[in-house]
Amino acid sequence: MKKLIISLALINSFLFISCGVGSNSDSSKSIIVSGSSSVSPLMFKLAEKFEEANSNYSVTVETSDSTIGVSDTINGNNDIGMASRNLKENEAPELDAYLLCQDGIVIIANKDSSITQISEEELYNLYISNTAIGSISKAISREDGSGTRSAFTDLTSIGKDAPLPATVEILDGTGKVKTAVNSDSSKLGYISLGSVDDTIKPLLYKAKSQSEYVAPSVENIKSDSYKLYRPFYIFTKKGKEMSEVTKAFLDFIDSDVGKLVINESGYVAN
């Protein structure tokens, strides 16, 4: 994948984006960004910062999943797509993709749970064999089409060679996973690092190759000591002429201001 590079002539075009609020009625001044529910919280923050500088453009951010974001872009139903996974071989030829940032996948538990850390082996046995870890006896995963689930599978091998067992609860969306864990101290799930807040407990994680448990953080992702991380991508339809607001938004994301927003939101800008 190539890094986001847009014409230097557009570097000074710091324009405005609205996250579906106060939309400009002129369709030529509006764009739609759609896709991953893991990427969308960051996209809303980028759009909000963009709005502070420019009031004549509008962007609607639509949350679904990575696969829908890809299909929306290929089918011309958006201007920019979002995915929290790598593009598949049949998708890549249709799209111009840009690496937005790196994001950690965080294993989360209820705040009242006694668990504070988890190993790769314990995680695998909970999901595949329903082996309890102390008071934790229920595993939550994401729906088919979720980029977070795809990355979780790639990084842990959970569900890679066979379907997840019926004991695993499937939920569609980051918010639903957080709510389920928050309401039941026997449940464990996984979400984006950028979506972690004080309603749930992020767990330290130890991969098979490691001797110590490591906290999920931007610093530990940068040093490669925290092993559960994946790329966030944005993309446009290959061969489709970009509007001025699409170009300006991509320029903003790649600017120092955009990268600051990404880093301050708990992600690792490129």
Protein backbone atom coordinates (compact mmCIF):
# COMPACT_ATOMS: atom_id res chain seq x y z
CA MET A 1 0.00 0.00 0.00
CA LYS A 2 1.18 3.51 -0.63
CA LYS A 3 1.37 6.28 1.86
CA LEU A 4 -1.05 9.16 1.50
CA ILE A 5 0.48 11.67 -0.92
CA ILE A 6 -1.63 14.35 -2.59
CA SER A 7 -0.51 17.17 -4.88
CA LEU A 8 1.59 19.88 -3.20
CA ALA A 9 -0.68 22.43 -4.75
CA LEU A 10 -3.33 21.35 -2.28
CA ILE A 11 -1.21 21.43 0.89
CA ASN A 12 -2.61 24.82 1.89
CA SER A 13 -6.21 23.75 1.35
CA PHE A 14 -7.34 23.26 4.91
CA LEU A 15 -11.08 23.04 4.37
CA PHE A 16 -14.07 22.14 6.49
CA ILE A 17 -15.83 18.87 7.21
CA SER A 18 -19.05 18.30 9.10
CA CYS A 19 -19.84 14.89 10.59
CA GLY A 20 -23.38 14.82 9.26
CA VAL A 21 -24.34 18.02 11.10
CA GLY A 22 -25.01 21.35 9.47
CA SER A 23 -24.59 19.97 5.98
CA ASN A 24 -24.07 22.35 3.10
CA SER A 25 -26.90 22.03 0.58
CA ASP A 26 -24.46 22.26 -2.35
CA SER A 27 -23.64 18.63 -3.18
CA SER A 28 -20.38 19.69 -4.83
CA LYS A 29 -19.22 20.87 -1.41
CA SER A 30 -20.11 17.61 0.34
CA ILE A 31 -18.61 14.14 0.56
CA ILE A 32 -19.49 10.86 2.25
CA VAL A 33 -17.02 8.73 4.20
CA SER A 34 -18.26 5.26 5.12
CA GLY A 35 -17.08 1.98 6.56
CA SER A 36 -15.44 0.52 9.65
CA SER A 37 -16.96 1.23 13.06
CA SER A 38 -13.41 1.10 14.47
CA VAL A 39 -12.11 3.81 12.14
CA SER A 40 -15.16 6.06 12.34
CA PRO A 41 -14.48 7.49 15.86
CA LEU A 42 -11.13 8.77 14.59
CA MET A 43 -12.74 10.01 11.38
CA PHE A 44 -15.26 12.03 13.39
CA LYS A 45 -12.41 13.67 15.30
CA LEU A 46 -10.53 14.47 12.11
CA ALA A 47 -13.70 15.93 10.62
CA GLU A 48 -14.38 18.02 13.71
CA LYS A 49 -10.90 19.53 13.61
CA PHE A 50 -11.32 20.17 9.92
CA GLU A 51 -14.55 22.05 10.63
CA GLU A 52 -12.77 24.50 12.89
CA ALA A 53 -10.82 25.90 9.94
CA ASN A 54 -13.39 25.74 7.13
CA SER A 55 -17.12 26.27 7.15
CA ASN A 56 -17.95 25.85 3.46
CA TYR A 57 -17.56 22.07 3.16
CA SER A 58 -19.51 19.15 4.56
CA VAL A 59 -18.65 15.50 5.14
CA THR A 60 -21.03 12.85 6.41
CA VAL A 61 -19.38 9.94 8.23
CA GLU A 62 -21.42 6.73 8.00
CA THR A 63 -20.55 3.85 10.33
CA SER A 64 -20.93 0.23 9.23
CA ASP A 65 -18.02 -2.20 8.79
CA SER A 66 -14.90 -2.57 6.67
CA THR A 67 -16.48 -4.77 4.02
CA ILE A 68 -19.35 -2.34 3.49
CA GLY A 69 -16.86 0.52 3.30
CA VAL A 70 -15.01 -1.32 0.53
CA SER A 71 -18.17 -2.16 -1.42
CA ASP A 72 -19.53 1.38 -1.02
CA THR A 73 -16.34 2.78 -2.55
CA ILE A 74 -16.18 0.28 -5.40
CA ASN A 75 -19.86 0.86 -6.22
CA GLY A 76 -19.54 4.66 -6.09
CA ASN A 77 -21.75 5.07 -3.01
CA ASN A 78 -19.20 7.15 -1.13
CA ASP A 79 -16.20 9.37 -1.72
CA ILE A 80 -13.86 7.79 0.83
CA GLY A 81 -14.05 4.33 2.40
CA MET A 82 -12.67 3.15 5.75
CA ALA A 83 -11.33 -0.29 6.71
CA SER A 84 -9.60 -1.66 9.79
CA ARG A 85 -7.98 -4.49 7.85
CA ASN A 86 -5.84 -5.03 4.78
CA LEU A 87 -7.62 -5.08 1.44
CA LYS A 88 -8.26 -8.47 -0.10
CA GLU A 89 -6.75 -9.52 -3.42
CA ASN A 90 -10.04 -9.01 -5.27
CA GLU A 91 -10.57 -5.57 -3.68
CA ALA A 92 -7.17 -3.93 -4.07
CA PRO A 93 -7.24 -3.49 -7.89
CA GLU A 94 -10.42 -1.42 -7.58
CA LEU A 95 -9.11 1.06 -5.03
CA ASP A 96 -6.40 3.60 -4.29
CA ALA A 97 -5.61 2.88 -0.65
CA TYR A 98 -3.80 5.06 1.89
CA LEU A 99 -2.42 3.93 5.25
CA LEU A 100 -4.14 6.12 7.83
CA CYS A 101 -2.46 4.85 11.01
CA GLN A 102 -1.75 1.83 13.18
CA ASP A 103 -4.26 0.84 15.84
CA GLY A 104 -4.05 -1.56 18.75
CA ILE A 105 -6.61 -4.28 19.38
CA VAL A 106 -7.29 -4.31 23.10
CA ILE A 107 -8.70 -7.23 25.09
CA ILE A 108 -11.26 -5.76 27.48
CA ALA A 109 -13.03 -6.93 30.63
CA ASN A 110 -15.57 -5.53 33.06
CA LYS A 111 -14.15 -2.95 35.46
CA ASP A 112 -15.30 -5.04 38.43
CA SER A 113 -13.57 -8.17 37.18
CA SER A 114 -10.44 -9.31 39.01
CA ILE A 115 -8.60 -10.09 35.76
CA THR A 116 -5.86 -7.63 34.76
CA GLN A 117 -3.87 -9.56 32.16
CA ILE A 118 -4.25 -12.37 29.65
CA SER A 119 -1.89 -14.56 27.64
CA GLU A 120 -2.32 -15.59 24.03
CA GLU A 121 -2.88 -19.20 25.15
CA GLU A 122 -5.56 -18.23 27.69
CA LEU A 123 -7.31 -16.10 25.10
CA TYR A 124 -7.31 -18.92 22.54
CA ASN A 125 -8.61 -21.48 25.03
CA LEU A 126 -11.42 -19.18 26.17
CA TYR A 127 -12.66 -18.57 22.62
CA ILE A 128 -12.13 -22.03 21.15
CA SER A 129 -12.62 -24.38 24.13
CA ASN A 130 -14.71 -22.14 26.42
CA THR A 131 -12.07 -22.54 29.14
CA ALA A 132 -12.76 -20.00 31.88
CA ILE A 133 -10.10 -17.60 33.13
CA GLY A 134 -11.03 -17.02 36.75
CA SER A 135 -14.45 -15.35 36.70
CA ILE A 136 -14.28 -14.81 32.93
CA SER A 137 -16.33 -17.50 31.19
CA LYS A 138 -17.93 -15.79 28.16
CA ALA A 139 -16.18 -14.59 24.99
CA ILE A 140 -17.44 -11.92 22.58
CA SER A 141 -16.37 -11.52 18.95
CA ARG A 142 -17.35 -9.22 16.10
CA GLU A 143 -19.53 -9.97 13.08
CA ASP A 144 -18.42 -11.25 9.67
CA GLY A 145 -17.24 -8.27 7.63
CA SER A 146 -15.68 -6.55 10.63
CA GLY A 147 -12.11 -5.46 10.01
CA THR A 148 -11.41 -5.72 13.72
CA ARG A 149 -12.50 -9.35 13.70
CA SER A 150 -10.40 -10.06 10.61
CA ALA A 151 -7.32 -8.53 12.26
CA PHE A 152 -8.03 -10.30 15.57
CA THR A 153 -8.20 -13.61 13.70
CA ASP A 154 -4.96 -12.95 11.83
CA LEU A 155 -3.10 -11.94 14.98
CA THR A 156 -4.36 -14.69 17.31
CA SER A 157 -5.41 -17.51 14.89
CA ILE A 158 -8.75 -17.61 16.74
CA GLY A 159 -11.35 -18.68 14.18
CA LYS A 160 -8.77 -18.90 11.40
CA ASP A 161 -9.04 -22.62 10.60
CA ALA A 162 -12.61 -23.28 11.76
CA PRO A 163 -15.75 -21.28 12.59
CA LEU A 164 -16.02 -19.88 16.08
CA PRO A 165 -17.96 -22.19 18.42
CA ALA A 166 -21.54 -21.37 19.37
CA THR A 167 -20.38 -20.39 22.86
CA VAL A 168 -18.87 -17.18 21.44
CA GLU A 169 -21.30 -14.24 21.36
CA ILE A 170 -21.24 -12.28 18.08
CA LEU A 171 -21.95 -8.54 18.20
CA ASP A 172 -21.94 -6.00 15.38
CA GLY A 173 -20.12 -2.88 16.42
CA THR A 174 -17.58 -1.59 18.92
CA GLY A 175 -20.24 0.08 21.04
CA LYS A 176 -22.19 -3.13 21.51
CA VAL A 177 -19.07 -5.01 22.61
CA LYS A 178 -18.28 -2.35 25.21
CA THR A 179 -21.86 -2.31 26.49
CA ALA A 180 -21.98 -6.11 26.79
CA VAL A 181 -18.71 -6.26 28.73
CA ASN A 182 -19.72 -3.33 30.90
CA SER A 183 -22.98 -5.05 31.88
CA ASP A 184 -21.60 -8.53 32.66
CA SER A 185 -18.40 -9.19 34.64
CA SER A 186 -18.13 -12.72 33.20
CA LYS A 187 -17.65 -11.43 29.64
CA LEU A 188 -14.50 -10.58 27.70
CA GLY A 189 -14.18 -8.96 24.27
CA TYR A 190 -11.88 -6.90 22.08
CA ILE A 191 -12.03 -3.36 20.66
CA SER A 192 -9.86 -0.70 19.05
CA LEU A 193 -7.31 1.04 21.28
CA GLY A 194 -8.76 4.38 20.23
CA SER A 195 -12.18 3.31 21.58
CA VAL A 196 -10.96 2.46 25.09
CA ASP A 197 -12.54 4.59 27.82
CA ASP A 198 -13.20 4.39 31.55
CA THR A 199 -16.31 2.21 31.17
CA ILE A 200 -14.23 -0.94 30.63
CA LYS A 201 -10.88 -2.42 31.70
CA PRO A 202 -8.09 -2.87 29.11
CA LEU A 203 -5.96 -5.96 29.81
CA LEU A 204 -2.23 -6.45 29.55
CA TYR A 205 -1.38 -9.03 26.90
CA LYS A 206 1.42 -11.57 26.50
CA ALA A 207 2.03 -13.16 23.11
CA LYS A 208 3.57 -16.63 22.83
CA SER A 209 6.88 -15.07 21.84
CA GLN A 210 7.01 -12.91 24.96
CA SER A 211 7.98 -13.50 28.58
CA GLU A 212 6.17 -10.48 30.04
CA TYR A 213 2.71 -8.96 29.86
CA VAL A 214 2.55 -5.66 27.97
CA ALA A 215 0.05 -2.81 28.29
CA PRO A 216 -1.78 -1.65 25.17
CA SER A 217 -0.50 1.85 24.38
CA VAL A 218 0.71 4.01 21.52
CA GLU A 219 4.27 3.83 22.85
CA ASN A 220 4.22 0.03 23.05
CA ILE A 221 2.82 -0.26 19.53
CA LYS A 222 5.55 2.03 18.21
CA SER A 223 8.20 -0.15 19.88
CA ASP A 224 6.50 -3.36 18.67
CA SER A 225 6.36 -4.67 22.25
CA TYR A 226 2.56 -4.83 22.20
CA LYS A 227 1.77 -7.40 19.53
CA LEU A 228 -1.94 -6.88 18.88
CA TYR A 229 -2.04 -4.07 16.35
CA ARG A 230 -3.25 -3.61 12.79
CA PRO A 231 -3.49 -0.92 10.09
CA PHE A 232 -6.34 1.47 9.46
CA TYR A 233 -6.85 2.28 5.76
CA ILE A 234 -8.84 4.84 3.87
CA PHE A 235 -9.37 4.53 0.13
CA THR A 236 -10.96 6.04 -2.96
CA LYS A 237 -12.23 4.44 -6.15
CA LYS A 238 -9.44 3.93 -8.66
CA GLY A 239 -9.90 6.07 -11.77
CA LYS A 240 -12.60 8.25 -10.22
CA GLU A 241 -11.82 11.97 -10.31
CA MET A 242 -11.73 13.33 -6.77
CA SER A 243 -13.68 16.43 -5.85
CA GLU A 244 -11.85 19.40 -4.37
CA VAL A 245 -13.22 18.66 -0.90
CA THR A 246 -12.11 15.01 -1.10
CA LYS A 247 -8.60 16.13 -2.06
CA ALA A 248 -8.59 18.76 0.66
CA PHE A 249 -9.68 16.28 3.32
CA LEU A 250 -6.98 13.81 2.33
CA ASP A 251 -4.42 16.63 2.43
CA PHE A 252 -5.62 17.58 5.89
CA ILE A 253 -5.28 14.03 7.19
CA ASP A 254 -1.70 13.93 5.90
CA SER A 255 -0.82 17.32 7.40
CA ASP A 256 0.93 17.92 10.72
CA VAL A 257 -2.41 18.94 12.22
CA GLY A 258 -4.10 15.78 11.03
CA LYS A 259 -1.30 13.58 12.35
CA LEU A 260 -1.50 15.35 15.71
CA VAL A 261 -5.23 14.54 15.89
CA ILE A 262 -4.44 10.89 15.10
CA ASN A 263 -1.74 10.60 17.76
CA GLU A 264 -3.73 12.45 20.42
CA SER A 265 -6.67 10.13 19.77
CA GLY A 266 -4.64 7.07 20.77
CA TYR A 267 -3.45 5.87 17.36
CA VAL A 268 -0.03 5.81 15.70
CA ALA A 269 0.17 8.18 12.74
CA ASN A 270 2.44 7.33 9.83
